[in-house]
Amino acid sequence: MNISRIVNLLAIIIGGGIALYAQADEKQDTYMLIAGIVLLMFGIYRTSRNIPSKFDKQEGETFIKSEDED
């Protein structure tokens, strides 16, 4: 695993843990909950931007001939 994947995984795990911990108390700490959610979303965003789109692959595999190819 490279460093980027480890950082993403740690951000997701730590952010989720902070968000759950902040919400579990009787007196919810709003700022801690927001920080946990932001860290969680940061990790998810960084992970998802490295996944290629399925539509990029389909653009080159078109079965319709254009008029310029004749």
N, C-alpha and C. Protein backbone atom coordinates (compact mmCIF):
# COMPACT_ATOMS: atom_id res chain seq x y z
N MET A 1 0.85 -1.19 0.00
CA MET A 1 0.00 0.00 0.00
C MET A 1 0.88 1.24 0.00
N ASN A 2 0.49 2.19 -0.81
CA ASN A 2 1.27 3.41 -0.81
C ASN A 2 0.74 4.37 0.27
N ILE A 3 1.47 5.42 0.49
CA ILE A 3 1.18 6.38 1.57
C ILE A 3 -0.19 7.03 1.40
N SER A 4 -0.59 7.34 0.17
CA SER A 4 -1.86 8.02 -0.08
C SER A 4 -3.04 7.16 0.36
N ARG A 5 -2.99 5.87 0.07
CA ARG A 5 -4.09 4.98 0.47
C ARG A 5 -4.17 4.85 1.98
N ILE A 6 -3.01 4.84 2.63
CA ILE A 6 -2.98 4.74 4.09
C ILE A 6 -3.58 5.99 4.71
N VAL A 7 -3.24 7.16 4.17
CA VAL A 7 -3.79 8.43 4.68
C VAL A 7 -5.31 8.45 4.49
N ASN A 8 -5.78 8.01 3.33
CA ASN A 8 -7.23 7.98 3.08
C ASN A 8 -7.94 7.05 4.06
N LEU A 9 -7.38 5.88 4.27
CA LEU A 9 -7.98 4.92 5.18
C LEU A 9 -8.00 5.44 6.61
N LEU A 10 -6.90 6.03 7.05
CA LEU A 10 -6.85 6.60 8.39
C LEU A 10 -7.84 7.74 8.57
N ALA A 11 -7.99 8.59 7.55
CA ALA A 11 -8.93 9.70 7.63
C ALA A 11 -10.36 9.19 7.75
N ILE A 12 -10.69 8.13 7.01
CA ILE A 12 -12.04 7.57 7.08
C ILE A 12 -12.30 6.95 8.45
N ILE A 13 -11.35 6.16 8.94
CA ILE A 13 -11.53 5.48 10.22
C ILE A 13 -11.56 6.48 11.38
N ILE A 14 -10.61 7.40 11.42
CA ILE A 14 -10.55 8.38 12.51
C ILE A 14 -11.75 9.32 12.46
N GLY A 15 -12.13 9.78 11.27
CA GLY A 15 -13.28 10.67 11.13
C GLY A 15 -14.57 10.00 11.56
N GLY A 16 -14.75 8.74 11.17
CA GLY A 16 -15.94 8.00 11.59
C GLY A 16 -15.96 7.78 13.09
N GLY A 17 -14.80 7.47 13.66
CA GLY A 17 -14.71 7.27 15.11
C GLY A 17 -15.01 8.54 15.88
N ILE A 18 -14.48 9.65 15.42
CA ILE A 18 -14.74 10.94 16.09
C ILE A 18 -16.22 11.30 16.00
N ALA A 19 -16.81 11.08 14.83
CA ALA A 19 -18.24 11.41 14.65
C ALA A 19 -19.11 10.54 15.56
N LEU A 20 -18.79 9.26 15.67
CA LEU A 20 -19.56 8.39 16.55
C LEU A 20 -19.36 8.76 18.02
N TYR A 21 -18.14 9.07 18.40
CA TYR A 21 -17.84 9.43 19.79
C TYR A 21 -18.54 10.73 20.18
N ALA A 22 -18.54 11.71 19.27
CA ALA A 22 -19.14 13.01 19.57
C ALA A 22 -20.65 12.90 19.70
N GLN A 23 -21.25 11.95 19.00
CA GLN A 23 -22.70 11.82 19.03
C GLN A 23 -23.16 10.89 20.16
N ALA A 24 -22.26 10.08 20.72
CA ALA A 24 -22.64 9.09 21.72
C ALA A 24 -22.86 9.70 23.10
N ASP A 25 -22.28 10.82 23.37
CA ASP A 25 -22.43 11.44 24.68
C ASP A 25 -23.85 11.98 24.88
N GLU A 26 -24.24 12.14 26.15
CA GLU A 26 -25.53 12.77 26.42
C GLU A 26 -25.56 14.19 25.91
N LYS A 27 -24.49 14.90 26.19
CA LYS A 27 -24.35 16.27 25.71
C LYS A 27 -23.48 16.22 24.44
N GLN A 28 -24.12 16.35 23.29
CA GLN A 28 -23.40 16.22 22.03
C GLN A 28 -22.49 17.42 21.81
N ASP A 29 -21.26 17.12 21.43
CA ASP A 29 -20.31 18.17 21.10
C ASP A 29 -20.42 18.44 19.59
N THR A 30 -21.06 19.51 19.22
CA THR A 30 -21.36 19.81 17.82
C THR A 30 -20.09 20.01 17.01
N TYR A 31 -19.13 20.73 17.55
CA TYR A 31 -17.90 21.00 16.81
C TYR A 31 -17.09 19.74 16.58
N MET A 32 -17.09 18.85 17.55
CA MET A 32 -16.38 17.58 17.40
C MET A 32 -17.08 16.71 16.35
N LEU A 33 -18.40 16.72 16.34
CA LEU A 33 -19.17 15.97 15.35
C LEU A 33 -18.90 16.50 13.94
N ILE A 34 -18.88 17.81 13.79
CA ILE A 34 -18.60 18.42 12.48
C ILE A 34 -17.19 18.09 12.02
N ALA A 35 -16.22 18.15 12.93
CA ALA A 35 -14.84 17.82 12.58
C ALA A 35 -14.72 16.36 12.14
N GLY A 36 -15.41 15.46 12.82
CA GLY A 36 -15.39 14.06 12.44
C GLY A 36 -16.00 13.82 11.07
N ILE A 37 -17.11 14.48 10.80
CA ILE A 37 -17.77 14.32 9.50
C ILE A 37 -16.90 14.90 8.38
N VAL A 38 -16.28 16.04 8.64
CA VAL A 38 -15.40 16.65 7.62
C VAL A 38 -14.22 15.73 7.33
N LEU A 39 -13.62 15.16 8.34
CA LEU A 39 -12.49 14.25 8.14
C LEU A 39 -12.93 12.99 7.41
N LEU A 40 -14.10 12.48 7.75
CA LEU A 40 -14.64 11.31 7.07
C LEU A 40 -14.89 11.60 5.59
N MET A 41 -15.51 12.72 5.29
CA MET A 41 -15.80 13.08 3.89
C MET A 41 -14.52 13.37 3.10
N PHE A 42 -13.51 13.93 3.77
CA PHE A 42 -12.22 14.17 3.12
C PHE A 42 -11.60 12.84 2.68
N GLY A 43 -11.63 11.85 3.55
CA GLY A 43 -11.08 10.54 3.21
C GLY A 43 -11.86 9.87 2.09
N ILE A 44 -13.18 9.97 2.13
CA ILE A 44 -14.01 9.37 1.10
C ILE A 44 -13.78 10.07 -0.25
N TYR A 45 -13.67 11.38 -0.24
CA TYR A 45 -13.43 12.12 -1.48
C TYR A 45 -12.10 11.73 -2.11
N ARG A 46 -11.06 11.68 -1.28
CA ARG A 46 -9.73 11.33 -1.80
C ARG A 46 -9.71 9.90 -2.35
N THR A 47 -10.46 9.02 -1.74
CA THR A 47 -10.53 7.64 -2.23
C THR A 47 -11.30 7.57 -3.54
N SER A 48 -12.42 8.26 -3.62
CA SER A 48 -13.27 8.16 -4.80
C SER A 48 -12.69 8.86 -6.02
N ARG A 49 -11.84 9.83 -5.85
CA ARG A 49 -11.30 10.52 -7.04
C ARG A 49 -10.27 9.68 -7.79
N ASN A 50 -9.78 8.60 -7.17
CA ASN A 50 -8.84 7.71 -7.83
C ASN A 50 -9.52 6.56 -8.56
N ILE A 51 -10.83 6.44 -8.42
CA ILE A 51 -11.59 5.38 -9.10
C ILE A 51 -12.00 5.92 -10.47
N PRO A 52 -11.63 5.23 -11.55
CA PRO A 52 -11.98 5.75 -12.88
C PRO A 52 -13.48 5.63 -13.15
N SER A 53 -13.98 6.52 -13.98
CA SER A 53 -15.39 6.51 -14.35
C SER A 53 -15.67 5.38 -15.32
N LYS A 54 -16.83 4.76 -15.20
CA LYS A 54 -17.19 3.70 -16.14
C LYS A 54 -17.52 4.27 -17.51
N PHE A 55 -17.85 5.54 -17.59
CA PHE A 55 -18.19 6.15 -18.87
C PHE A 55 -16.97 6.47 -19.70
N ASP A 56 -15.80 6.62 -19.10
CA ASP A 56 -14.57 6.87 -19.86
C ASP A 56 -14.24 5.68 -20.75
N LYS A 57 -14.50 4.49 -20.27
CA LYS A 57 -14.19 3.28 -21.01
C LYS A 57 -15.15 3.09 -22.18
N GLN A 58 -16.40 3.49 -22.03
CA GLN A 58 -17.41 3.25 -23.05
C GLN A 58 -17.31 4.21 -24.22
N GLU A 59 -16.63 5.34 -24.08
CA GLU A 59 -16.53 6.30 -25.18
C GLU A 59 -15.78 5.72 -26.37
N GLY A 60 -14.74 4.95 -26.13
CA GLY A 60 -13.96 4.36 -27.22
C GLY A 60 -14.60 3.12 -27.81
N GLU A 61 -15.58 2.55 -27.16
CA GLU A 61 -16.20 1.31 -27.60
C GLU A 61 -17.57 1.55 -28.21
N THR A 62 -17.70 2.55 -29.03
CA THR A 62 -18.99 2.85 -29.65
C THR A 62 -19.17 1.99 -30.91
N PHE A 63 -20.39 1.53 -31.14
CA PHE A 63 -20.66 0.67 -32.28
C PHE A 63 -21.33 1.41 -33.43
N ILE A 64 -21.56 2.69 -33.27
CA ILE A 64 -22.20 3.48 -34.30
C ILE A 64 -21.12 4.12 -35.17
N LYS A 65 -21.18 3.87 -36.46
CA LYS A 65 -20.20 4.44 -37.37
C LYS A 65 -20.58 5.88 -37.69
N SER A 66 -19.60 6.72 -37.71
CA SER A 66 -19.88 8.11 -38.10
C SER A 66 -19.73 8.25 -39.60
N GLU A 67 -20.20 9.35 -40.14
CA GLU A 67 -20.15 9.56 -41.58
C GLU A 67 -18.73 9.84 -42.05
N ASP A 68 -17.85 10.27 -41.15
CA ASP A 68 -16.47 10.59 -41.55
C ASP A 68 -15.64 9.35 -41.79
N GLU A 69 -16.02 8.20 -41.32
CA GLU A 69 -15.22 6.98 -41.45
C GLU A 69 -15.35 6.30 -42.80
N ASP A 70 -16.23 6.71 -43.69
CA ASP A 70 -16.43 6.06 -45.00
C ASP A 70 -15.29 6.23 -45.90
